[in-house]
Amino acid sequence: IFRRADKNDDGKLSFEEFKNYFADGILSSEELWELFSGIDRRHSDNVDTEKLCDYFSAYLGEYRNVLSALEALNSAVLAAMDKTKLRYETSSKMEQFLTRFLLRETMHQLQSLQASLECAVDTVEEQAGRERKDIKKSETSVGLRSGRRCGRRGQKNVCLSPTDPYSGMLTTGVCVEDNSQWMAQINRLQQLIEKLECKSPRLEPLKEEALCKGRDAHILVAKRQISVATSSIEEFRQAFRSYMEITAGQSSCL
């Protein structure tokens, strides 16, 4: 995790690297320096990544199991995808169908779990922001945090539960941050699914007779379940009214 913060790959972090990596718009630069100095007890103005690991390991708590599970999940998914690439073309049509289904379901579950994590992150950041309104945030910290939060909110506008069997089906199709390892895994699954469904020479799409043609030949019905905070209900109603007024004026919307 901390190697990503080490931009020059020298095995240690300067305060600038430390601040750029850990700034979240909540802690001020002074507080980040206090944290940095507490880890850098030798006052060398550099912190070894090993010391960072030792420091954060003492505070992992339940997230120790989470990170271990993510490491195991990453290995399991990559191993399954490797076997799929090797065996898919020589499998029967029924086995290919089951493989595609399992890949899609794995991807949906990961997307659903990520959406729940994003909701949790937004909630704790908003709570921390309300508690620290008296702190003047630096431009760098504010820009970094707002950019990350907009990316998450742009991707998901609903809170989904990983235990809901249908929640993984609700996606917006908007790309998220490029440095998200979680989404990188999902993207690999999506690419493999598309390759198996569309690019394999053994897959022949079902030929159906076109019963109707034209741009109005198909109707798309979409359903979204949105969780709204009690304090934001009126704002949500106003936004929803604006949405209805705009869509009502579109000839392609029912």
C-alpha atoms as a PDB file:
ATOM      1  CA  ILE A   1       0.000   0.000   0.000  1.00  0.00           C
ATOM      2  CA  PHE A   2       2.649   2.477   1.048  1.00  0.00           C
ATOM      3  CA  ARG A   3       4.880   1.809  -1.955  1.00  0.00           C
ATOM      4  CA  ARG A   4       2.385   3.810  -4.017  1.00  0.00           C
ATOM      5  CA  ALA A   5       3.263   6.850  -1.904  1.00  0.00           C
ATOM      6  CA  ASP A   6       6.982   6.391  -2.555  1.00  0.00           C
ATOM      7  CA  LYS A   7       7.165   8.195  -5.887  1.00  0.00           C
ATOM      8  CA  ASN A   8      10.942   8.003  -6.298  1.00  0.00           C
ATOM      9  CA  ASP A   9      11.178   4.360  -5.119  1.00  0.00           C
ATOM     10  CA  ASP A  10      13.871   5.025  -2.533  1.00  0.00           C
ATOM     11  CA  GLY A  11      12.133   3.019   0.200  1.00  0.00           C
ATOM     12  CA  LYS A  12      11.199   6.053   2.297  1.00  0.00           C
ATOM     13  CA  LEU A  13       8.819   9.000   2.264  1.00  0.00           C
ATOM     14  CA  SER A  14       9.626  12.659   2.548  1.00  0.00           C
ATOM     15  CA  PHE A  15       7.030  14.861   4.229  1.00  0.00           C
ATOM     16  CA  GLU A  16       5.920  16.105   0.808  1.00  0.00           C
ATOM     17  CA  GLU A  17       5.290  12.545  -0.376  1.00  0.00           C
ATOM     18  CA  PHE A  18       3.619  11.748   2.946  1.00  0.00           C
ATOM     19  CA  LYS A  19       1.319  14.778   2.711  1.00  0.00           C
ATOM     20  CA  ASN A  20       0.393  14.183  -0.928  1.00  0.00           C
ATOM     21  CA  TYR A  21      -0.544  10.590  -0.178  1.00  0.00           C
ATOM     22  CA  PHE A  22      -2.371  10.971   3.148  1.00  0.00           C
ATOM     23  CA  ALA A  23      -4.011  14.415   2.773  1.00  0.00           C
ATOM     24  CA  ASP A  24      -7.790  13.939   2.930  1.00  0.00           C
ATOM     25  CA  GLY A  25      -9.006  17.503   3.368  1.00  0.00           C
ATOM     26  CA  ILE A  26      -9.799  16.856   7.038  1.00  0.00           C
ATOM     27  CA  LEU A  27      -6.404  17.012   8.726  1.00  0.00           C
ATOM     28  CA  SER A  28      -4.525  20.258   8.302  1.00  0.00           C
ATOM     29  CA  SER A  29      -0.905  20.411   7.118  1.00  0.00           C
ATOM     30  CA  GLU A  30       0.171  21.049  10.705  1.00  0.00           C
ATOM     31  CA  GLU A  31      -1.629  17.941  11.916  1.00  0.00           C
ATOM     32  CA  LEU A  32      -0.144  15.869   9.113  1.00  0.00           C
ATOM     33  CA  TRP A  33       3.305  17.141  10.110  1.00  0.00           C
ATOM     34  CA  GLU A  34       2.612  16.172  13.713  1.00  0.00           C
ATOM     35  CA  LEU A  35       1.683  12.669  12.583  1.00  0.00           C
ATOM     36  CA  PHE A  36       4.739  12.468  10.329  1.00  0.00           C
ATOM     37  CA  SER A  37       7.040  13.596  13.134  1.00  0.00           C
ATOM     38  CA  GLY A  38       5.500  11.068  15.516  1.00  0.00           C
ATOM     39  CA  ILE A  39       6.416   8.270  13.127  1.00  0.00           C
ATOM     40  CA  ASP A  40       9.812   9.763  12.248  1.00  0.00           C
ATOM     41  CA  ARG A  41      11.201   9.630  15.773  1.00  0.00           C
ATOM     42  CA  ARG A  42      14.773  10.084  14.495  1.00  0.00           C
ATOM     43  CA  HIS A  43      13.775  13.415  12.924  1.00  0.00           C
ATOM     44  CA  SER A  44      15.470  12.462   9.671  1.00  0.00           C
ATOM     45  CA  ASP A  45      12.708  14.131   7.618  1.00  0.00           C
ATOM     46  CA  ASN A  46      12.174  10.749   5.961  1.00  0.00           C
ATOM     47  CA  VAL A  47      10.055   7.787   7.043  1.00  0.00           C
ATOM     48  CA  ASP A  48      10.865   4.246   5.962  1.00  0.00           C
ATOM     49  CA  THR A  49       7.924   2.367   4.494  1.00  0.00           C
ATOM     50  CA  GLU A  50       8.620  -0.389   7.031  1.00  0.00           C
ATOM     51  CA  LYS A  51       8.089   2.089   9.865  1.00  0.00           C
ATOM     52  CA  LEU A  52       4.810   3.135   8.274  1.00  0.00           C
ATOM     53  CA  CYS A  53       3.731  -0.503   8.199  1.00  0.00           C
ATOM     54  CA  ASP A  54       4.676  -0.949  11.850  1.00  0.00           C
ATOM     55  CA  TYR A  55       2.807   2.200  12.853  1.00  0.00           C
ATOM     56  CA  PHE A  56      -0.424   1.430  10.992  1.00  0.00           C
ATOM     57  CA  SER A  57      -0.356  -2.252  11.968  1.00  0.00           C
ATOM     58  CA  ALA A  58      -1.047  -1.242  15.556  1.00  0.00           C
ATOM     59  CA  TYR A  59      -4.353   0.366  14.479  1.00  0.00           C
ATOM     60  CA  LEU A  60      -5.656  -2.129  11.914  1.00  0.00           C
ATOM     61  CA  GLY A  61      -8.236  -3.751  14.167  1.00  0.00           C
ATOM     62  CA  GLU A  62     -10.931  -5.482  12.123  1.00  0.00           C
ATOM     63  CA  TYR A  63      -9.378  -4.167   8.924  1.00  0.00           C
ATOM     64  CA  ARG A  64      -6.513  -6.612   9.354  1.00  0.00           C
ATOM     65  CA  ASN A  65      -8.955  -9.388   8.417  1.00  0.00           C
ATOM     66  CA  VAL A  66     -10.409  -7.251   5.631  1.00  0.00           C
ATOM     67  CA  LEU A  67      -7.020  -6.614   4.018  1.00  0.00           C
ATOM     68  CA  SER A  68      -6.058 -10.270   4.353  1.00  0.00           C
ATOM     69  CA  ALA A  69      -9.336 -11.279   2.724  1.00  0.00           C
ATOM     70  CA  LEU A  70      -8.742  -8.813  -0.123  1.00  0.00           C
ATOM     71  CA  GLU A  71      -5.299 -10.265  -0.742  1.00  0.00           C
ATOM     72  CA  ALA A  72      -6.743 -13.786  -0.834  1.00  0.00           C
ATOM     73  CA  LEU A  73      -9.617 -12.614  -3.061  1.00  0.00           C
ATOM     74  CA  ASN A  74      -7.226 -10.979  -5.499  1.00  0.00           C
ATOM     75  CA  SER A  75      -5.217 -14.195  -5.822  1.00  0.00           C
ATOM     76  CA  ALA A  76      -8.362 -16.317  -6.179  1.00  0.00           C
ATOM     77  CA  VAL A  77      -9.869 -14.095  -8.889  1.00  0.00           C
ATOM     78  CA  LEU A  78      -6.651 -13.974 -10.916  1.00  0.00           C
ATOM     79  CA  ALA A  79      -6.255 -17.754 -10.664  1.00  0.00           C
ATOM     80  CA  ALA A  80      -9.857 -18.304 -11.792  1.00  0.00           C
ATOM     81  CA  MET A  81      -9.450 -15.922 -14.727  1.00  0.00           C
ATOM     82  CA  ASP A  82      -6.246 -17.650 -15.837  1.00  0.00           C
ATOM     83  CA  LYS A  83      -7.978 -21.041 -15.848  1.00  0.00           C
ATOM     84  CA  THR A  84     -10.942 -19.551 -17.696  1.00  0.00           C
ATOM     85  CA  LYS A  85      -8.706 -18.266 -20.487  1.00  0.00           C
ATOM     86  CA  LEU A  86      -7.116 -21.684 -20.878  1.00  0.00           C
ATOM     87  CA  ARG A  87     -10.244 -23.844 -20.761  1.00  0.00           C
ATOM     88  CA  TYR A  88     -13.059 -21.706 -22.142  1.00  0.00           C
ATOM     89  CA  GLU A  89     -12.690 -22.365 -25.882  1.00  0.00           C
ATOM     90  CA  THR A  90     -12.503 -26.132 -25.432  1.00  0.00           C
ATOM     91  CA  SER A  91     -15.475 -26.256 -23.049  1.00  0.00           C
ATOM     92  CA  SER A  92     -18.990 -27.255 -24.008  1.00  0.00           C
ATOM     93  CA  LYS A  93     -21.603 -24.590 -24.698  1.00  0.00           C
ATOM     94  CA  MET A  94     -23.232 -25.235 -21.318  1.00  0.00           C
ATOM     95  CA  GLU A  95     -19.903 -24.936 -19.504  1.00  0.00           C
ATOM     96  CA  GLN A  96     -19.204 -21.689 -21.378  1.00  0.00           C
ATOM     97  CA  PHE A  97     -22.602 -20.344 -20.327  1.00  0.00           C
ATOM     98  CA  LEU A  98     -21.922 -21.213 -16.675  1.00  0.00           C
ATOM     99  CA  THR A  99     -18.488 -19.581 -16.861  1.00  0.00           C
ATOM    100  CA  ARG A 100     -19.964 -16.353 -18.212  1.00  0.00           C
ATOM    101  CA  PHE A 101     -22.647 -16.356 -15.540  1.00  0.00           C
ATOM    102  CA  LEU A 102     -20.123 -16.870 -12.727  1.00  0.00           C
ATOM    103  CA  LEU A 103     -17.882 -14.125 -14.074  1.00  0.00           C
ATOM    104  CA  ARG A 104     -20.768 -11.651 -14.286  1.00  0.00           C
ATOM    105  CA  GLU A 105     -21.990 -12.535 -10.803  1.00  0.00           C
ATOM    106  CA  THR A 106     -18.483 -12.124  -9.365  1.00  0.00           C
ATOM    107  CA  MET A 107     -18.209  -8.715 -11.010  1.00  0.00           C
ATOM    108  CA  HIS A 108     -21.646  -7.632  -9.735  1.00  0.00           C
ATOM    109  CA  GLN A 109     -20.797  -8.682  -6.182  1.00  0.00           C
ATOM    110  CA  LEU A 110     -17.541  -6.704  -6.267  1.00  0.00           C
ATOM    111  CA  GLN A 111     -19.324  -3.642  -7.646  1.00  0.00           C
ATOM    112  CA  SER A 112     -21.994  -3.899  -4.967  1.00  0.00           C
ATOM    113  CA  LEU A 113     -19.444  -4.217  -2.189  1.00  0.00           C
ATOM    114  CA  GLN A 114     -17.474  -1.260  -3.532  1.00  0.00           C
ATOM    115  CA  ALA A 115     -20.619   0.892  -3.601  1.00  0.00           C
ATOM    116  CA  SER A 116     -21.246   0.114   0.078  1.00  0.00           C
ATOM    117  CA  LEU A 117     -17.642   1.012   0.929  1.00  0.00           C
ATOM    118  CA  GLU A 118     -17.949   4.289  -0.979  1.00  0.00           C
ATOM    119  CA  CYS A 119     -21.083   5.201   0.978  1.00  0.00           C
ATOM    120  CA  ALA A 120     -19.238   4.476   4.224  1.00  0.00           C
ATOM    121  CA  VAL A 121     -16.257   6.615   3.164  1.00  0.00           C
ATOM    122  CA  ASP A 122     -18.504   9.519   2.164  1.00  0.00           C
ATOM    123  CA  THR A 123     -20.385   9.302   5.467  1.00  0.00           C
ATOM    124  CA  VAL A 124     -17.320   9.387   7.718  1.00  0.00           C
ATOM    125  CA  GLU A 125     -15.695  12.144   5.622  1.00  0.00           C
ATOM    126  CA  GLU A 126     -18.827  14.282   5.795  1.00  0.00           C
ATOM    127  CA  GLN A 127     -19.089  13.726   9.539  1.00  0.00           C
ATOM    128  CA  ALA A 128     -15.442  14.645  10.024  1.00  0.00           C
ATOM    129  CA  GLY A 129     -15.913  17.704   7.819  1.00  0.00           C
ATOM    130  CA  ARG A 130     -18.824  18.948   9.951  1.00  0.00           C
ATOM    131  CA  GLU A 131     -16.781  18.483  13.107  1.00  0.00           C
ATOM    132  CA  ARG A 132     -13.808  20.389  11.685  1.00  0.00           C
ATOM    133  CA  LYS A 133     -15.465  23.361   9.998  1.00  0.00           C
ATOM    134  CA  ASP A 134     -13.331  25.680  12.080  1.00  0.00           C
ATOM    135  CA  ILE A 135     -10.131  24.371  10.462  1.00  0.00           C
ATOM    136  CA  LYS A 136      -8.889  26.209   7.387  1.00  0.00           C
ATOM    137  CA  LYS A 137      -7.995  23.590   4.817  1.00  0.00           C
ATOM    138  CA  SER A 138      -5.072  24.064   2.474  1.00  0.00           C
ATOM    139  CA  GLU A 139      -5.819  24.388  -1.262  1.00  0.00           C
ATOM    140  CA  THR A 140      -3.920  21.206  -2.001  1.00  0.00           C
ATOM    141  CA  SER A 141      -5.871  19.177   0.526  1.00  0.00           C
ATOM    142  CA  VAL A 142      -9.210  20.575  -0.531  1.00  0.00           C
ATOM    143  CA  GLY A 143      -8.525  19.962  -4.213  1.00  0.00           C
ATOM    144  CA  LEU A 144      -7.355  16.421  -3.587  1.00  0.00           C
ATOM    145  CA  ARG A 145     -10.314  15.510  -1.431  1.00  0.00           C
ATOM    146  CA  SER A 146     -12.972  17.123  -3.593  1.00  0.00           C
ATOM    147  CA  GLY A 147     -11.592  15.403  -6.676  1.00  0.00           C
ATOM    148  CA  ARG A 148     -11.684  11.997  -5.059  1.00  0.00           C
ATOM    149  CA  ARG A 149     -15.162  12.490  -3.618  1.00  0.00           C
ATOM    150  CA  CYS A 150     -16.593  13.753  -6.912  1.00  0.00           C
ATOM    151  CA  GLY A 151     -15.221  10.664  -8.592  1.00  0.00           C
ATOM    152  CA  ARG A 152     -16.999   8.416  -6.156  1.00  0.00           C
ATOM    153  CA  ARG A 153     -20.261  10.335  -6.242  1.00  0.00           C
ATOM    154  CA  GLY A 154     -20.216  10.484 -10.021  1.00  0.00           C
ATOM    155  CA  GLN A 155     -19.877   6.743 -10.178  1.00  0.00           C
ATOM    156  CA  LYS A 156     -22.598   5.840  -7.673  1.00  0.00           C
ATOM    157  CA  ASN A 157     -25.565   7.874  -6.531  1.00  0.00           C
ATOM    158  CA  VAL A 158     -27.099   5.062  -4.491  1.00  0.00           C
ATOM    159  CA  CYS A 159     -26.054   3.037  -1.453  1.00  0.00           C
ATOM    160  CA  LEU A 160     -26.168  -0.673  -2.242  1.00  0.00           C
ATOM    161  CA  SER A 161     -25.875  -3.584   0.125  1.00  0.00           C
ATOM    162  CA  PRO A 162     -23.525  -6.497  -0.635  1.00  0.00           C
ATOM    163  CA  THR A 163     -26.147  -8.844   0.845  1.00  0.00           C
ATOM    164  CA  ASP A 164     -28.844  -7.728  -1.601  1.00  0.00           C
ATOM    165  CA  PRO A 165     -28.948 -10.240  -4.484  1.00  0.00           C
ATOM    166  CA  TYR A 166     -30.126  -7.568  -6.905  1.00  0.00           C
ATOM    167  CA  SER A 167     -28.090  -4.601  -5.751  1.00  0.00           C
ATOM    168  CA  GLY A 168     -25.090  -5.609  -7.853  1.00  0.00           C
ATOM    169  CA  MET A 169     -27.214  -5.172 -10.988  1.00  0.00           C
ATOM    170  CA  LEU A 170     -27.569  -1.411 -10.451  1.00  0.00           C
ATOM    171  CA  THR A 171     -24.651   0.330 -12.125  1.00  0.00           C
ATOM    172  CA  THR A 172     -24.281   3.693 -13.754  1.00  0.00           C
ATOM    173  CA  GLY A 173     -21.605   2.720 -16.241  1.00  0.00           C
ATOM    174  CA  VAL A 174     -19.447   5.725 -15.306  1.00  0.00           C
ATOM    175  CA  CYS A 175     -15.720   5.141 -14.946  1.00  0.00           C
ATOM    176  CA  VAL A 176     -14.064   5.690 -11.573  1.00  0.00           C
ATOM    177  CA  GLU A 177     -10.565   6.583 -10.459  1.00  0.00           C
ATOM    178  CA  ASP A 178      -7.793   4.999 -12.491  1.00  0.00           C
ATOM    179  CA  ASN A 179      -5.780   4.179  -9.370  1.00  0.00           C
ATOM    180  CA  SER A 180      -8.517   2.089  -7.800  1.00  0.00           C
ATOM    181  CA  GLN A 181      -7.153  -1.434  -7.477  1.00  0.00           C
ATOM    182  CA  TRP A 182     -10.631  -2.664  -6.639  1.00  0.00           C
ATOM    183  CA  MET A 183     -12.067  -1.323  -9.885  1.00  0.00           C
ATOM    184  CA  ALA A 184      -9.056  -2.604 -11.789  1.00  0.00           C
ATOM    185  CA  GLN A 185     -10.058  -6.111 -10.749  1.00  0.00           C
ATOM    186  CA  ILE A 186     -13.656  -5.475 -11.795  1.00  0.00           C
ATOM    187  CA  ASN A 187     -12.492  -4.063 -15.122  1.00  0.00           C
ATOM    188  CA  ARG A 188     -10.429  -7.193 -15.764  1.00  0.00           C
ATOM    189  CA  LEU A 189     -13.528  -9.305 -15.175  1.00  0.00           C
ATOM    190  CA  GLN A 190     -15.596  -7.076 -17.454  1.00  0.00           C
ATOM    191  CA  GLN A 191     -13.017  -7.283 -20.224  1.00  0.00           C
ATOM    192  CA  LEU A 192     -12.860 -11.040 -19.945  1.00  0.00           C
ATOM    193  CA  ILE A 193     -16.649 -11.311 -20.052  1.00  0.00           C
ATOM    194  CA  GLU A 194     -16.792  -9.140 -23.171  1.00  0.00           C
ATOM    195  CA  LYS A 195     -14.058 -11.175 -24.795  1.00  0.00           C
ATOM    196  CA  LEU A 196     -15.831 -14.440 -24.031  1.00  0.00           C
ATOM    197  CA  GLU A 197     -19.208 -13.161 -25.184  1.00  0.00           C
ATOM    198  CA  CYS A 198     -18.167 -11.238 -28.279  1.00  0.00           C
ATOM    199  CA  LYS A 199     -14.712 -12.168 -29.519  1.00  0.00           C
ATOM    200  CA  SER A 200     -14.500 -15.945 -29.288  1.00  0.00           C
ATOM    201  CA  PRO A 201     -14.854 -17.591 -32.715  1.00  0.00           C
ATOM    202  CA  ARG A 202     -16.792 -20.426 -31.102  1.00  0.00           C
ATOM    203  CA  LEU A 203     -19.569 -18.122 -29.912  1.00  0.00           C
ATOM    204  CA  GLU A 204     -22.386 -17.603 -32.385  1.00  0.00           C
ATOM    205  CA  PRO A 205     -25.025 -14.995 -31.502  1.00  0.00           C
ATOM    206  CA  LEU A 206     -28.637 -16.062 -31.727  1.00  0.00           C
ATOM    207  CA  LYS A 207     -30.186 -14.920 -34.989  1.00  0.00           C
ATOM    208  CA  GLU A 208     -33.627 -13.425 -34.482  1.00  0.00           C
ATOM    209  CA  GLU A 209     -36.070 -11.995 -36.966  1.00  0.00           C
ATOM    210  CA  ALA A 210     -36.410  -8.236 -36.635  1.00  0.00           C
ATOM    211  CA  LEU A 211     -40.082  -7.615 -35.852  1.00  0.00           C
ATOM    212  CA  CYS A 212     -39.860  -3.846 -35.786  1.00  0.00           C
ATOM    213  CA  LYS A 213     -37.385  -1.198 -36.825  1.00  0.00           C
ATOM    214  CA  GLY A 214     -36.757   2.449 -36.077  1.00  0.00           C
ATOM    215  CA  ARG A 215     -35.455   4.442 -33.151  1.00  0.00           C
ATOM    216  CA  ASP A 216     -38.716   3.967 -31.221  1.00  0.00           C
ATOM    217  CA  ALA A 217     -38.657   0.211 -31.588  1.00  0.00           C
ATOM    218  CA  HIS A 218     -37.356  -0.436 -28.084  1.00  0.00           C
ATOM    219  CA  ILE A 219     -38.246   0.782 -24.597  1.00  0.00           C
ATOM    220  CA  LEU A 220     -35.746   0.842 -21.732  1.00  0.00           C
ATOM    221  CA  VAL A 221     -37.201   0.688 -18.228  1.00  0.00           C
ATOM    222  CA  ALA A 222     -34.815   1.685 -15.435  1.00  0.00           C
ATOM    223  CA  LYS A 223     -35.334   1.510 -11.693  1.00  0.00           C
ATOM    224  CA  ARG A 224     -33.154   3.105  -9.037  1.00  0.00           C
ATOM    225  CA  GLN A 225     -33.431   2.837  -5.268  1.00  0.00           C
ATOM    226  CA  ILE A 226     -31.941   5.926  -3.618  1.00  0.00           C
ATOM    227  CA  SER A 227     -31.184   6.426   0.066  1.00  0.00           C
ATOM    228  CA  VAL A 228     -31.629  10.051   1.135  1.00  0.00           C
ATOM    229  CA  ALA A 229     -30.486  11.546   4.424  1.00  0.00           C
ATOM    230  CA  THR A 230     -33.319  13.062   6.472  1.00  0.00           C
ATOM    231  CA  SER A 231     -31.642  16.460   6.459  1.00  0.00           C
ATOM    232  CA  SER A 232     -31.468  16.461   2.651  1.00  0.00           C
ATOM    233  CA  ILE A 233     -35.010  15.365   1.771  1.00  0.00           C
ATOM    234  CA  GLU A 234     -36.144  18.815   0.602  1.00  0.00           C
ATOM    235  CA  GLU A 235     -33.055  19.245  -1.593  1.00  0.00           C
ATOM    236  CA  PHE A 236     -33.673  15.807  -3.066  1.00  0.00           C
ATOM    237  CA  ARG A 237     -37.301  16.674  -3.830  1.00  0.00           C
ATOM    238  CA  GLN A 238     -36.244  19.849  -5.623  1.00  0.00           C
ATOM    239  CA  ALA A 239     -33.654  17.963  -7.657  1.00  0.00           C
ATOM    240  CA  PHE A 240     -36.205  15.271  -8.520  1.00  0.00           C
ATOM    241  CA  ARG A 241     -38.751  17.878  -9.658  1.00  0.00           C
ATOM    242  CA  SER A 242     -36.127  19.401 -11.950  1.00  0.00           C
ATOM    243  CA  TYR A 243     -35.339  15.950 -13.319  1.00  0.00           C
ATOM    244  CA  MET A 244     -39.027  15.248 -14.031  1.00  0.00           C
ATOM    245  CA  GLU A 245     -39.478  18.616 -15.753  1.00  0.00           C
ATOM    246  CA  ILE A 246     -36.469  18.016 -18.004  1.00  0.00           C
ATOM    247  CA  THR A 247     -37.417  14.438 -18.926  1.00  0.00           C
ATOM    248  CA  ALA A 248     -41.032  15.435 -19.536  1.00  0.00           C
ATOM    249  CA  GLY A 249     -39.843  17.750 -22.268  1.00  0.00           C
ATOM    250  CA  GLN A 250     -37.991  14.962 -24.082  1.00  0.00           C
ATOM    251  CA  SER A 251     -39.920  13.193 -26.825  1.00  0.00           C
ATOM    252  CA  SER A 252     -38.009   9.958 -26.213  1.00  0.00           C
ATOM    253  CA  CYS A 253     -39.064   9.734 -22.528  1.00  0.00           C
ATOM    254  CA  LEU A 254     -42.401   8.276 -21.451  1.00  0.00           C
END
